[in-house]
Protein backbone atom coordinates (compact mmCIF):
# COMPACT_ATOMS: atom_id res chain seq x y z
CA MET A 1 -17.03 -24.79 8.46
CA LEU A 2 -14.46 -23.82 11.07
CA ILE A 3 -10.91 -23.27 9.83
CA ARG A 4 -8.23 -22.69 12.42
CA GLU A 5 -5.12 -22.81 10.26
CA ALA A 6 -4.76 -20.50 7.23
CA TYR A 7 -1.52 -19.21 5.67
CA PHE A 8 0.08 -17.43 2.72
CA ARG A 9 2.72 -19.78 1.39
CA ALA A 10 5.77 -19.54 -0.87
CA THR A 11 7.78 -22.62 -1.84
CA HIS A 12 11.56 -22.81 -1.96
CA THR A 13 11.33 -22.77 -5.77
CA GLY A 14 9.55 -19.40 -5.70
CA ALA A 15 5.99 -20.54 -6.40
CA GLU A 16 3.41 -18.73 -4.27
CA LEU A 17 0.01 -19.74 -3.00
CA ASP A 18 -2.38 -16.97 -1.93
CA LEU A 19 -4.06 -19.03 0.79
CA LEU A 20 -3.25 -22.42 2.30
CA VAL A 21 -5.86 -23.94 4.60
CA GLN A 22 -5.44 -27.08 6.66
CA ARG A 23 -8.62 -28.94 7.50
CA ASN A 24 -8.79 -32.40 9.07
CA GLY A 25 -5.12 -32.94 8.25
CA LYS A 26 -5.65 -32.14 4.54
CA ARG A 27 -4.20 -29.15 2.71
CA VAL A 28 -6.36 -27.04 0.41
CA GLY A 29 -4.98 -24.14 -1.61
CA PHE A 30 -6.64 -21.00 -2.96
CA GLU A 31 -5.43 -18.69 -5.71
CA PHE A 32 -7.15 -15.37 -6.43
CA LYS A 33 -7.11 -14.26 -10.07
CA HIS A 34 -8.49 -11.20 -11.82
CA SER A 35 -8.39 -12.66 -15.34
CA ASP A 36 -11.51 -13.72 -17.24
CA ALA A 37 -10.21 -17.23 -17.95
CA PRO A 38 -7.59 -18.47 -15.47
CA ALA A 39 -5.27 -21.15 -16.83
CA PHE A 40 -3.24 -23.89 -15.15
CA THR A 41 0.20 -22.42 -14.40
CA LYS A 42 3.62 -23.77 -13.52
CA SER A 43 3.24 -22.13 -10.11
CA MET A 44 0.03 -24.12 -9.49
CA HIS A 45 1.76 -27.33 -10.51
CA ILE A 46 4.64 -26.62 -8.11
CA ALA A 47 2.26 -25.72 -5.27
CA LEU A 48 0.26 -28.93 -5.77
CA ASN A 49 3.41 -31.05 -5.57
CA ASP A 50 5.56 -29.16 -3.05
CA LEU A 51 2.74 -28.45 -0.61
CA LYS A 52 0.99 -31.79 -1.18
CA LEU A 53 -2.39 -30.14 -1.74
CA GLN A 54 -5.54 -32.22 -1.68
CA ARG A 55 -7.31 -29.57 -3.82
CA LEU A 56 -6.61 -26.16 -5.30
CA PHE A 57 -9.39 -23.65 -5.93
CA VAL A 58 -8.79 -20.72 -8.28
CA LEU A 59 -11.24 -17.90 -7.52
CA TYR A 60 -12.06 -15.36 -10.22
CA PRO A 61 -14.73 -12.74 -11.00
CA GLY A 62 -16.32 -14.73 -13.87
CA HIS A 63 -19.61 -16.62 -13.86
CA GLU A 64 -18.66 -20.20 -14.77
CA SER A 65 -16.90 -22.78 -12.64
CA TYR A 66 -14.81 -25.43 -14.38
CA GLN A 67 -12.12 -28.06 -13.82
CA LEU A 68 -8.54 -27.14 -14.83
CA HIS A 69 -6.78 -30.26 -13.62
CA GLN A 70 -7.60 -33.35 -11.58
CA LYS A 71 -7.09 -31.38 -8.33
CA VAL A 72 -7.63 -27.81 -9.59
CA GLU A 73 -11.01 -26.14 -10.00
CA VAL A 74 -11.75 -22.60 -11.19
CA VAL A 75 -14.60 -21.20 -9.10
CA SER A 76 -16.60 -18.05 -9.66
CA VAL A 77 -16.75 -15.78 -6.63
CA GLN A 78 -20.56 -15.97 -6.69
CA SER A 79 -20.57 -19.77 -6.37
CA LEU A 80 -17.80 -19.96 -3.76
CA PRO A 81 -20.02 -20.57 -0.69
CA ALA A 82 -21.85 -23.48 -2.35
CA VAL A 83 -18.63 -25.01 -3.71
CA LEU A 84 -16.88 -24.81 -0.36
CA LYS A 85 -19.85 -26.33 1.41
CA SER A 86 -20.03 -29.28 -0.98
CA LYS A 87 -16.31 -29.89 -1.55
CA LEU A 88 -14.72 -29.14 1.82
CA THR A 89 -17.21 -31.07 3.93
CA HIS A 90 -15.86 -34.26 2.35
CA LEU A 91 -12.28 -33.60 3.47
């Protein structure tokens, strides 16, 4: 997977996104969390809408991966390579 465009992004409303990647004209966001159970936040909602994200991945040090929202998935750091391979190849 070759990614040529990657950014930190803040919206005009103050929401921040740790990493914004553009791939094949689609925008994918990444948030990095240290908590044991990341939750869907207002900032994530704003980033999804303002940045028109196709998907948002929330990376954390836990062991389970789970869906937070239709376009938001919490991903354990250990499973990140497999998730990226399966999810980003379809974009």
